[in-house]
């Protein structure tokens, strides 16, 4: 695979704005299904991580997982039930080529994702 990068951003669809301060755990999943956490990042005021979640030599073809800390984000005085309906939102995806953008659109009660550009 050509050396590329994987990026993400989080949009708070309940408020229609970027979701700042969301923890994003990045893991690689091996053929046996075992997870290896590679790093944890946080979204900035624009709802994006300051650096790609994966890039260069750390980006090899395979299965990855981003786990978004949505429960903690929405719990910050936002009247969300305790425990929240959504807490840690996993997005598992396969990567065969160089670049991918994995956005998360989330509210306290739902989320969606896609392969972005």
N, C-alpha and C. Protein backbone atom coordinates (compact mmCIF):
# COMPACT_ATOMS: atom_id res chain seq x y z
N UNK A 1 0.85 -1.17 0.00
CA UNK A 1 0.00 0.00 0.00
C UNK A 1 0.89 1.23 0.00
N UNK A 2 0.53 2.21 -0.79
CA UNK A 2 1.24 3.48 -0.74
C UNK A 2 1.02 4.10 0.63
N UNK A 3 2.02 4.77 1.11
CA UNK A 3 1.89 5.40 2.42
C UNK A 3 0.89 6.54 2.34
N UNK A 4 -0.16 6.46 3.14
CA UNK A 4 -1.22 7.46 3.12
C UNK A 4 -1.57 7.87 4.52
N UNK A 5 -2.87 8.12 4.72
CA UNK A 5 -3.31 8.51 6.06
C UNK A 5 -4.79 8.23 6.23
N UNK A 6 -5.18 8.09 7.49
CA UNK A 6 -6.58 7.96 7.88
C UNK A 6 -6.89 9.15 8.78
N UNK A 7 -7.98 9.82 8.49
CA UNK A 7 -8.40 10.96 9.29
C UNK A 7 -9.83 10.75 9.77
N UNK A 8 -10.25 11.56 10.72
CA UNK A 8 -11.61 11.49 11.24
C UNK A 8 -12.06 12.86 11.70
N UNK A 9 -13.36 13.01 11.83
CA UNK A 9 -13.93 14.17 12.51
C UNK A 9 -15.27 13.74 13.09
N UNK A 10 -15.75 14.52 14.06
CA UNK A 10 -17.00 14.19 14.73
C UNK A 10 -17.91 15.41 14.68
N UNK A 11 -19.15 15.18 14.23
CA UNK A 11 -20.14 16.24 14.18
C UNK A 11 -21.26 15.92 15.18
N UNK A 12 -21.56 16.88 16.03
CA UNK A 12 -22.66 16.78 16.99
C UNK A 12 -23.93 17.17 16.23
N UNK A 13 -24.70 16.17 15.79
CA UNK A 13 -25.88 16.45 14.99
C UNK A 13 -27.05 16.97 15.84
N UNK A 14 -27.00 16.79 17.15
CA UNK A 14 -28.05 17.33 18.02
C UNK A 14 -27.97 18.86 18.08
N UNK A 15 -26.75 19.37 17.97
CA UNK A 15 -26.54 20.83 18.06
C UNK A 15 -26.11 21.44 16.73
N UNK A 16 -25.79 20.59 15.75
CA UNK A 16 -25.36 21.10 14.46
C UNK A 16 -24.02 21.80 14.49
N UNK A 17 -23.07 21.21 15.23
CA UNK A 17 -21.74 21.82 15.33
C UNK A 17 -20.69 20.73 15.51
N UNK A 18 -19.41 21.08 15.31
CA UNK A 18 -18.35 20.10 15.55
C UNK A 18 -18.34 19.68 17.01
N UNK A 19 -17.97 18.44 17.26
CA UNK A 19 -17.90 17.91 18.62
C UNK A 19 -16.45 17.99 19.12
N UNK A 20 -16.18 18.95 19.96
CA UNK A 20 -14.84 19.17 20.50
C UNK A 20 -14.61 18.33 21.75
N UNK A 21 -13.40 17.81 21.89
CA UNK A 21 -13.01 17.09 23.10
C UNK A 21 -13.40 15.63 23.15
N UNK A 22 -13.81 15.05 22.02
CA UNK A 22 -14.19 13.64 21.99
C UNK A 22 -12.93 12.78 21.93
N UNK A 23 -12.81 11.82 22.84
CA UNK A 23 -11.69 10.88 22.81
C UNK A 23 -11.89 9.91 21.65
N UNK A 24 -10.81 9.64 20.91
CA UNK A 24 -10.85 8.70 19.79
C UNK A 24 -9.71 7.70 19.98
N UNK A 25 -10.07 6.46 20.27
CA UNK A 25 -9.09 5.38 20.44
C UNK A 25 -8.89 4.71 19.09
N UNK A 26 -7.65 4.50 18.71
CA UNK A 26 -7.31 3.88 17.43
C UNK A 26 -6.70 2.51 17.70
N UNK A 27 -7.24 1.47 17.07
CA UNK A 27 -6.74 0.10 17.29
C UNK A 27 -6.61 -0.62 15.95
N UNK A 28 -5.68 -1.55 15.91
CA UNK A 28 -5.55 -2.47 14.78
C UNK A 28 -6.11 -3.81 15.23
N UNK A 29 -6.82 -4.49 14.32
CA UNK A 29 -7.40 -5.79 14.62
C UNK A 29 -6.65 -6.83 13.81
N UNK A 30 -6.07 -7.83 14.47
CA UNK A 30 -5.31 -8.85 13.72
C UNK A 30 -6.25 -9.93 13.19
N UNK A 31 -5.70 -10.87 12.46
CA UNK A 31 -6.51 -11.92 11.81
C UNK A 31 -7.27 -12.79 12.81
N UNK A 32 -6.79 -12.87 14.04
CA UNK A 32 -7.47 -13.65 15.07
C UNK A 32 -8.54 -12.82 15.80
N UNK A 33 -8.68 -11.54 15.41
CA UNK A 33 -9.67 -10.68 16.05
C UNK A 33 -9.16 -9.95 17.27
N UNK A 34 -7.87 -10.08 17.57
CA UNK A 34 -7.29 -9.40 18.74
C UNK A 34 -7.07 -7.92 18.43
N UNK A 35 -7.40 -7.07 19.39
CA UNK A 35 -7.22 -5.62 19.25
C UNK A 35 -5.89 -5.20 19.85
N UNK A 36 -5.20 -4.32 19.15
CA UNK A 36 -4.01 -3.67 19.68
C UNK A 36 -4.25 -2.17 19.59
N UNK A 37 -4.35 -1.52 20.74
CA UNK A 37 -4.57 -0.08 20.75
C UNK A 37 -3.27 0.60 20.34
N UNK A 38 -3.38 1.47 19.35
CA UNK A 38 -2.21 2.16 18.81
C UNK A 38 -2.02 3.53 19.44
N UNK A 39 -3.13 4.21 19.70
CA UNK A 39 -3.05 5.54 20.30
C UNK A 39 -4.44 6.04 20.63
N UNK A 40 -4.50 7.10 21.41
CA UNK A 40 -5.76 7.78 21.71
C UNK A 40 -5.55 9.26 21.44
N UNK A 41 -6.50 9.84 20.74
CA UNK A 41 -6.46 11.26 20.38
C UNK A 41 -7.73 11.94 20.88
N UNK A 42 -7.78 13.26 20.77
CA UNK A 42 -8.99 14.03 21.09
C UNK A 42 -9.30 14.97 19.94
N UNK A 43 -10.59 15.19 19.73
CA UNK A 43 -10.97 16.14 18.70
C UNK A 43 -10.76 17.57 19.21
N UNK A 44 -10.42 18.45 18.27
CA UNK A 44 -10.20 19.85 18.60
C UNK A 44 -11.52 20.63 18.45
N UNK A 45 -11.45 21.96 18.50
CA UNK A 45 -12.65 22.78 18.42
C UNK A 45 -13.39 22.64 17.10
N UNK A 46 -12.69 22.16 16.08
CA UNK A 46 -13.29 21.95 14.77
C UNK A 46 -13.83 20.52 14.62
N UNK A 47 -13.78 19.73 15.71
CA UNK A 47 -14.27 18.35 15.69
C UNK A 47 -13.33 17.37 15.01
N UNK A 48 -12.12 17.82 14.68
CA UNK A 48 -11.12 16.97 14.01
C UNK A 48 -9.98 16.68 14.97
N UNK A 49 -9.24 15.63 14.69
CA UNK A 49 -8.02 15.40 15.46
C UNK A 49 -6.93 16.28 14.86
N UNK A 50 -5.99 16.75 15.68
CA UNK A 50 -4.93 17.62 15.19
C UNK A 50 -4.00 16.93 14.21
N UNK A 51 -3.90 15.62 14.31
CA UNK A 51 -3.05 14.83 13.42
C UNK A 51 -3.87 13.68 12.86
N UNK A 52 -3.46 13.11 11.73
CA UNK A 52 -4.17 11.92 11.24
C UNK A 52 -4.17 10.82 12.31
N UNK A 53 -5.21 9.99 12.32
CA UNK A 53 -5.26 8.91 13.30
C UNK A 53 -4.23 7.83 12.95
N UNK A 54 -3.93 7.67 11.67
CA UNK A 54 -2.88 6.77 11.19
C UNK A 54 -2.23 7.41 9.99
N UNK A 55 -0.93 7.18 9.84
CA UNK A 55 -0.26 7.66 8.65
C UNK A 55 1.10 6.99 8.48
N UNK A 56 1.63 7.08 7.28
CA UNK A 56 2.96 6.61 6.98
C UNK A 56 3.16 5.14 7.27
N UNK A 57 4.25 4.82 7.93
CA UNK A 57 4.63 3.42 8.19
C UNK A 57 3.65 2.68 9.11
N UNK A 58 2.85 3.41 9.87
CA UNK A 58 1.87 2.77 10.76
C UNK A 58 0.61 2.34 10.03
N UNK A 59 0.50 2.76 8.78
CA UNK A 59 -0.68 2.46 7.98
C UNK A 59 -0.37 1.33 7.01
N UNK A 60 -0.87 0.15 7.34
CA UNK A 60 -0.70 -1.02 6.49
C UNK A 60 -2.09 -1.59 6.19
N UNK A 61 -2.26 -2.33 5.08
CA UNK A 61 -3.57 -2.91 4.81
C UNK A 61 -4.02 -3.77 5.98
N UNK A 62 -5.29 -3.67 6.31
CA UNK A 62 -5.82 -4.47 7.41
C UNK A 62 -7.10 -3.90 7.95
N UNK A 63 -7.47 -4.40 9.11
CA UNK A 63 -8.71 -4.00 9.78
C UNK A 63 -8.34 -3.12 10.96
N UNK A 64 -9.05 -2.03 11.08
CA UNK A 64 -8.82 -1.05 12.13
C UNK A 64 -10.14 -0.74 12.83
N UNK A 65 -10.02 -0.12 14.00
CA UNK A 65 -11.21 0.29 14.73
C UNK A 65 -10.95 1.63 15.38
N UNK A 66 -11.90 2.53 15.20
CA UNK A 66 -11.91 3.79 15.93
C UNK A 66 -13.02 3.68 16.95
N UNK A 67 -12.73 4.02 18.20
CA UNK A 67 -13.75 3.99 19.25
C UNK A 67 -13.90 5.43 19.76
N UNK A 68 -15.08 5.97 19.57
CA UNK A 68 -15.36 7.36 19.92
C UNK A 68 -16.03 7.44 21.29
N UNK A 69 -15.54 8.29 22.17
CA UNK A 69 -16.09 8.47 23.51
C UNK A 69 -17.27 9.43 23.51
N UNK A 70 -18.34 9.06 22.85
CA UNK A 70 -19.51 9.92 22.68
C UNK A 70 -20.27 10.11 24.00
N UNK A 71 -20.36 9.07 24.82
CA UNK A 71 -21.09 9.19 26.09
C UNK A 71 -20.53 10.28 26.97
N UNK A 72 -19.22 10.33 27.11
CA UNK A 72 -18.59 11.36 27.94
C UNK A 72 -18.81 12.75 27.35
N UNK A 73 -18.75 12.85 26.04
CA UNK A 73 -18.97 14.14 25.37
C UNK A 73 -20.37 14.68 25.68
N UNK A 74 -21.40 13.85 25.49
CA UNK A 74 -22.76 14.31 25.69
C UNK A 74 -23.13 14.40 27.17
N UNK A 75 -22.45 13.72 28.05
CA UNK A 75 -22.78 13.74 29.48
C UNK A 75 -22.41 15.05 30.14
N UNK A 76 -21.53 15.83 29.56
CA UNK A 76 -21.06 17.07 30.17
C UNK A 76 -22.14 18.10 30.40
N UNK A 77 -23.08 17.83 31.29
CA UNK A 77 -24.11 18.79 31.64
C UNK A 77 -25.17 18.98 30.56
N UNK A 78 -25.36 17.97 29.75
CA UNK A 78 -26.28 18.12 28.63
C UNK A 78 -27.61 17.40 28.84
N UNK A 79 -27.93 17.01 30.06
CA UNK A 79 -29.21 16.39 30.34
C UNK A 79 -29.39 15.00 29.75
N UNK A 80 -28.29 14.32 29.48
CA UNK A 80 -28.36 12.97 28.92
C UNK A 80 -28.54 11.98 30.06
N UNK A 81 -29.32 10.94 29.81
CA UNK A 81 -29.60 9.92 30.83
C UNK A 81 -28.31 9.30 31.36
N UNK A 82 -28.36 8.82 32.59
CA UNK A 82 -27.22 8.14 33.21
C UNK A 82 -27.67 6.73 33.55
N UNK A 83 -27.17 5.70 32.90
CA UNK A 83 -26.11 5.75 31.90
C UNK A 83 -26.64 6.23 30.56
N UNK A 84 -25.74 6.79 29.72
CA UNK A 84 -26.17 7.27 28.41
C UNK A 84 -26.56 6.11 27.50
N UNK A 85 -27.45 6.39 26.54
CA UNK A 85 -27.83 5.36 25.57
C UNK A 85 -26.61 4.93 24.76
N UNK A 86 -25.84 5.87 24.26
CA UNK A 86 -24.58 5.58 23.56
C UNK A 86 -23.43 5.99 24.45
N UNK A 87 -22.44 5.13 24.55
CA UNK A 87 -21.27 5.46 25.36
C UNK A 87 -20.04 5.48 24.46
N UNK A 88 -19.43 4.32 24.27
CA UNK A 88 -18.27 4.21 23.38
C UNK A 88 -18.76 3.63 22.05
N UNK A 89 -18.60 4.39 20.99
CA UNK A 89 -19.09 4.00 19.67
C UNK A 89 -17.93 3.45 18.84
N UNK A 90 -17.93 2.13 18.57
CA UNK A 90 -16.87 1.54 17.74
C UNK A 90 -17.22 1.58 16.26
N UNK A 91 -16.24 1.93 15.45
CA UNK A 91 -16.38 1.87 14.00
C UNK A 91 -15.21 1.02 13.49
N UNK A 92 -15.53 -0.20 13.06
CA UNK A 92 -14.51 -1.14 12.57
C UNK A 92 -14.55 -1.12 11.05
N UNK A 93 -13.40 -0.98 10.42
CA UNK A 93 -13.35 -0.87 8.96
C UNK A 93 -12.08 -1.51 8.42
N UNK A 94 -12.17 -1.97 7.18
CA UNK A 94 -11.03 -2.54 6.49
C UNK A 94 -10.41 -1.50 5.59
N UNK A 95 -9.10 -1.53 5.50
CA UNK A 95 -8.39 -0.56 4.68
C UNK A 95 -7.45 -1.31 3.74
N UNK A 96 -7.68 -1.17 2.45
CA UNK A 96 -6.86 -1.85 1.46
C UNK A 96 -5.99 -0.88 0.67
N UNK A 97 -6.36 0.40 0.67
CA UNK A 97 -5.56 1.36 -0.07
C UNK A 97 -5.10 2.50 0.82
N UNK A 98 -4.56 3.52 0.23
CA UNK A 98 -3.75 4.48 0.96
C UNK A 98 -4.47 5.46 1.88
N UNK A 99 -5.62 5.95 1.50
CA UNK A 99 -6.24 7.02 2.27
C UNK A 99 -7.69 6.71 2.62
N UNK A 100 -8.13 7.23 3.75
CA UNK A 100 -9.53 7.12 4.14
C UNK A 100 -9.86 8.23 5.12
N UNK A 101 -11.08 8.69 5.05
CA UNK A 101 -11.61 9.62 6.05
C UNK A 101 -12.82 8.92 6.65
N UNK A 102 -12.86 8.83 7.97
CA UNK A 102 -13.93 8.11 8.67
C UNK A 102 -14.64 9.11 9.60
N UNK A 103 -15.66 9.80 9.09
CA UNK A 103 -16.37 10.76 9.92
C UNK A 103 -17.40 10.07 10.81
N UNK A 104 -17.74 10.72 11.91
CA UNK A 104 -18.81 10.22 12.77
C UNK A 104 -19.79 11.37 12.98
N UNK A 105 -21.05 11.12 12.67
CA UNK A 105 -22.13 12.05 12.95
C UNK A 105 -22.90 11.44 14.11
N UNK A 106 -23.02 12.19 15.21
CA UNK A 106 -23.58 11.58 16.42
C UNK A 106 -24.49 12.53 17.18
N UNK A 107 -25.48 11.93 17.82
CA UNK A 107 -26.33 12.60 18.79
C UNK A 107 -26.31 11.71 20.03
N UNK A 108 -26.97 12.09 21.11
CA UNK A 108 -27.00 11.20 22.27
C UNK A 108 -27.70 9.87 22.01
N UNK A 109 -28.47 9.78 20.90
CA UNK A 109 -29.29 8.59 20.66
C UNK A 109 -29.00 7.86 19.35
N UNK A 110 -28.14 8.41 18.50
CA UNK A 110 -27.87 7.77 17.22
C UNK A 110 -26.52 8.19 16.66
N UNK A 111 -26.04 7.41 15.69
CA UNK A 111 -24.82 7.80 14.99
C UNK A 111 -24.81 7.19 13.60
N UNK A 112 -24.00 7.77 12.73
CA UNK A 112 -23.78 7.21 11.41
C UNK A 112 -22.36 7.54 10.97
N UNK A 113 -21.88 6.79 10.00
CA UNK A 113 -20.55 6.98 9.47
C UNK A 113 -20.56 6.56 8.02
N UNK A 114 -19.48 6.85 7.34
CA UNK A 114 -19.30 6.45 5.96
C UNK A 114 -17.82 6.55 5.63
N UNK A 115 -17.46 6.10 4.44
CA UNK A 115 -16.09 6.37 4.00
C UNK A 115 -16.11 7.72 3.31
N UNK A 116 -15.55 8.69 3.98
CA UNK A 116 -15.53 10.05 3.45
C UNK A 116 -14.34 10.26 2.54
N UNK A 117 -14.20 11.49 2.10
CA UNK A 117 -13.08 11.82 1.23
C UNK A 117 -12.26 12.95 1.83
